[in-house]
Amino acid sequence: MPATSSTSSVVTLPNLVSSSRFVLAAGFLMAEGTAWRIGLLGVASLTDFLDGWLARRARLTSQLGALLDPVADRVFVLAVVVSLLASGELQAWHAVALLFRDVMSLIGWFVARNSPALRSIPFRARWPGKVLTALQLFVFLAALLWPALVSPLVIAAAVLGVGATVDYTLMLWRERRVEAEGA
């Protein structure tokens, strides 16, 4: 397939790598044993880095890929939280704090899709969200290996989650204002 700046093809290597996190999420839910779960966390982390790198490097970016990557991330995170909660490695407040940004993002997405003023604003990953995703993965690793670190790390993730939500909201409002002034 020739490299282009954007592709409409659904089946690209970056999209396949992103999609693998759905399988990894199911695998985490079924995995028994710390070593398997750590391995799945590692592979999911690698795919999270690799999909974007491949898309940029091979110029295979797509609207589907831009949507697929964060959805796959959120599904993987949800599966891990549910699994760790069910096994007692996370407490209920940990789960709520870890999923706060994800719930707010989902609400924001529905608001943006139903608000004509926000519909045309592209959704892009921002660094606070990327840092939060990395911190969430570290919390999961801590839950498996260093339980004493979980609560302080969850508090840090909750604070960063609020910050990431505020950052994204402000970005949408700035983009909306710029778009309105340009019209």
Protein backbone atom coordinates (compact mmCIF):
# COMPACT_ATOMS: atom_id res chain seq x y z
CA MET A 1 0.00 0.00 0.00
CA PRO A 2 1.53 3.36 -0.91
CA ALA A 3 2.23 5.78 1.92
CA THR A 4 -0.09 8.75 2.00
CA SER A 5 -0.69 11.60 4.40
CA SER A 6 -4.11 10.24 5.23
CA THR A 7 -5.89 7.08 4.30
CA SER A 8 -9.50 6.04 4.10
CA SER A 9 -8.61 2.35 4.32
CA VAL A 10 -9.96 0.57 7.35
CA VAL A 11 -7.40 -2.22 7.35
CA THR A 12 -4.05 -0.63 8.07
CA LEU A 13 -1.26 -1.90 10.27
CA PRO A 14 -1.77 0.90 12.85
CA ASN A 15 -5.51 0.10 13.04
CA LEU A 16 -4.75 -3.60 13.49
CA VAL A 17 -2.30 -2.78 16.28
CA SER A 18 -4.92 -0.56 17.98
CA SER A 19 -7.55 -3.27 17.55
CA SER A 20 -5.31 -5.79 19.28
CA ARG A 21 -6.03 -4.02 22.58
CA PHE A 22 -9.61 -5.33 22.42
CA VAL A 23 -8.23 -8.87 22.38
CA LEU A 24 -5.73 -7.97 25.11
CA ALA A 25 -8.59 -6.58 27.23
CA ALA A 26 -10.48 -9.87 26.94
CA GLY A 27 -7.26 -11.72 27.71
CA PHE A 28 -6.71 -9.67 30.86
CA LEU A 29 -10.22 -10.48 32.06
CA MET A 30 -9.50 -14.20 31.65
CA ALA A 31 -5.84 -14.20 32.72
CA GLU A 32 -4.85 -16.01 35.86
CA GLY A 33 -1.60 -15.25 37.55
CA THR A 34 0.43 -12.12 38.02
CA ALA A 35 2.99 -12.93 35.32
CA TRP A 36 0.32 -13.25 32.61
CA ARG A 37 -1.38 -10.04 33.69
CA ILE A 38 1.93 -8.12 33.76
CA GLY A 39 2.72 -9.47 30.30
CA LEU A 40 -0.64 -8.31 28.96
CA LEU A 41 -0.10 -4.85 30.50
CA GLY A 42 3.29 -4.70 28.81
CA VAL A 43 1.98 -5.74 25.41
CA ALA A 44 -0.94 -3.30 25.65
CA SER A 45 1.47 -0.49 26.57
CA LEU A 46 3.65 -1.38 23.62
CA THR A 47 0.70 -1.40 21.21
CA ASP A 48 -0.46 1.97 22.55
CA PHE A 49 2.90 3.47 21.59
CA LEU A 50 3.35 1.47 18.41
CA ASP A 51 0.03 2.26 16.69
CA GLY A 52 0.58 6.01 16.68
CA TRP A 53 4.24 5.69 15.79
CA LEU A 54 3.43 3.44 12.84
CA ALA A 55 0.62 5.69 11.65
CA ARG A 56 2.86 8.76 11.67
CA ARG A 57 5.94 7.02 10.29
CA ALA A 58 4.14 5.26 7.41
CA ARG A 59 1.73 8.18 6.93
CA LEU A 60 -1.23 5.90 7.44
CA THR A 61 -3.30 8.17 9.63
CA SER A 62 -7.06 7.90 9.33
CA GLN A 63 -10.20 9.16 10.98
CA LEU A 64 -10.97 5.59 12.01
CA GLY A 65 -7.53 5.24 13.58
CA ALA A 66 -7.94 8.52 15.44
CA LEU A 67 -11.15 7.15 16.96
CA LEU A 68 -10.07 3.53 17.32
CA ASP A 69 -6.94 4.24 19.39
CA PRO A 70 -8.62 6.03 22.33
CA VAL A 71 -11.58 3.63 22.28
CA ALA A 72 -9.22 0.65 22.45
CA ASP A 73 -7.33 2.37 25.29
CA ARG A 74 -10.52 2.95 27.26
CA VAL A 75 -11.80 -0.60 26.71
CA PHE A 76 -8.46 -2.00 27.90
CA VAL A 77 -8.42 0.28 30.95
CA LEU A 78 -12.01 -0.64 31.80
CA ALA A 79 -11.26 -4.36 31.51
CA VAL A 80 -8.23 -4.05 33.78
CA VAL A 81 -10.11 -1.97 36.36
CA VAL A 82 -13.00 -4.46 36.41
CA SER A 83 -10.61 -7.40 36.73
CA LEU A 84 -8.54 -5.80 39.51
CA LEU A 85 -11.69 -4.68 41.31
CA ALA A 86 -13.18 -8.18 41.13
CA SER A 87 -9.98 -9.72 42.49
CA GLY A 88 -9.76 -7.21 45.36
CA GLU A 89 -6.57 -5.61 44.08
CA LEU A 90 -8.39 -2.30 43.63
CA GLN A 91 -11.01 -0.76 45.88
CA ALA A 92 -14.23 0.80 44.59
CA TRP A 93 -12.94 4.35 45.14
CA HIS A 94 -9.82 3.47 43.16
CA ALA A 95 -12.00 2.39 40.23
CA VAL A 96 -14.10 5.56 40.35
CA ALA A 97 -11.00 7.77 40.50
CA LEU A 98 -9.24 5.89 37.69
CA LEU A 99 -12.28 6.01 35.40
CA PHE A 100 -13.23 9.66 36.09
CA ARG A 101 -11.49 11.09 33.00
CA ASP A 102 -12.90 8.32 30.82
CA VAL A 103 -16.46 9.01 31.95
CA MET A 104 -15.97 12.76 31.47
CA SER A 105 -14.50 12.15 28.00
CA LEU A 106 -17.51 10.06 27.04
CA ILE A 107 -19.90 12.75 28.28
CA GLY A 108 -17.86 15.40 26.45
CA TRP A 109 -17.93 13.39 23.25
CA PHE A 110 -21.75 13.09 23.37
CA VAL A 111 -22.10 16.82 24.10
CA ALA A 112 -19.74 17.72 21.25
CA ARG A 113 -21.52 15.43 18.78
CA ASN A 114 -24.87 16.97 19.70
CA SER A 115 -23.70 20.59 19.75
CA PRO A 116 -23.46 22.19 16.30
CA ALA A 117 -20.88 24.66 17.64
CA LEU A 118 -18.51 21.83 18.63
CA ARG A 119 -19.19 19.24 15.93
CA SER A 120 -16.48 20.37 13.54
CA ILE A 121 -13.71 20.60 16.14
CA PRO A 122 -11.32 17.67 15.71
CA PHE A 123 -10.60 15.52 18.72
CA ARG A 124 -6.86 15.13 19.25
CA ALA A 125 -4.84 13.52 21.96
CA ARG A 126 -3.28 15.98 24.39
CA TRP A 127 -0.26 15.44 26.59
CA PRO A 128 -2.13 15.44 29.98
CA GLY A 129 -4.29 12.57 28.69
CA LYS A 130 -1.26 10.67 27.43
CA VAL A 131 0.51 11.09 30.77
CA LEU A 132 -2.64 9.96 32.58
CA THR A 133 -2.89 6.82 30.44
CA ALA A 134 0.73 5.98 31.30
CA LEU A 135 0.03 6.62 34.98
CA GLN A 136 -3.06 4.39 34.86
CA LEU A 137 -0.93 1.58 33.43
CA PHE A 138 1.61 2.12 36.23
CA VAL A 139 -1.22 1.97 38.81
CA PHE A 140 -2.23 -1.40 37.36
CA LEU A 141 1.33 -2.65 37.60
CA ALA A 142 1.53 -1.40 41.19
CA ALA A 143 -1.73 -3.19 42.01
CA LEU A 144 -0.11 -6.42 40.91
CA LEU A 145 3.37 -5.91 42.38
CA TRP A 146 3.40 -3.11 44.97
CA PRO A 147 -0.05 -2.81 46.58
CA ALA A 148 1.13 -0.19 49.11
CA LEU A 149 1.68 2.27 46.25
CA VAL A 150 -1.79 1.93 44.78
CA SER A 151 -3.69 4.52 46.85
CA PRO A 152 -1.12 7.32 46.47
CA LEU A 153 -0.82 6.60 42.74
CA VAL A 154 -4.61 6.58 42.33
CA ILE A 155 -4.80 9.96 44.06
CA ALA A 156 -2.16 11.29 41.64
CA ALA A 157 -4.12 9.80 38.72
CA ALA A 158 -7.34 11.40 39.98
CA VAL A 159 -5.71 14.83 40.20
CA LEU A 160 -4.20 14.40 36.74
CA GLY A 161 -7.59 13.15 35.47
CA VAL A 162 -9.27 16.34 36.63
CA GLY A 163 -6.45 18.36 35.07
CA ALA A 164 -6.71 16.47 31.78
CA THR A 165 -10.49 17.00 31.72
CA VAL A 166 -10.11 20.73 32.35
CA ASP A 167 -7.33 20.98 29.75
CA TYR A 168 -9.42 19.27 27.10
CA THR A 169 -12.51 21.33 27.92
CA LEU A 170 -10.54 24.57 27.68
CA MET A 171 -9.03 23.45 24.37
CA LEU A 172 -12.51 22.77 22.96
CA TRP A 173 -13.76 26.17 24.08
CA ARG A 174 -10.68 27.92 22.57
CA GLU A 175 -11.15 26.04 19.29
CA ARG A 176 -14.85 26.91 19.30
CA ARG A 177 -14.06 30.59 19.85
CA VAL A 178 -11.44 30.63 17.07
CA GLU A 179 -13.85 28.91 14.70
CA ALA A 180 -16.67 31.35 15.59
CA GLU A 181 -14.39 34.36 15.05
CA GLY A 182 -13.29 32.98 11.67
CA ALA A 183 -16.86 32.52 10.46
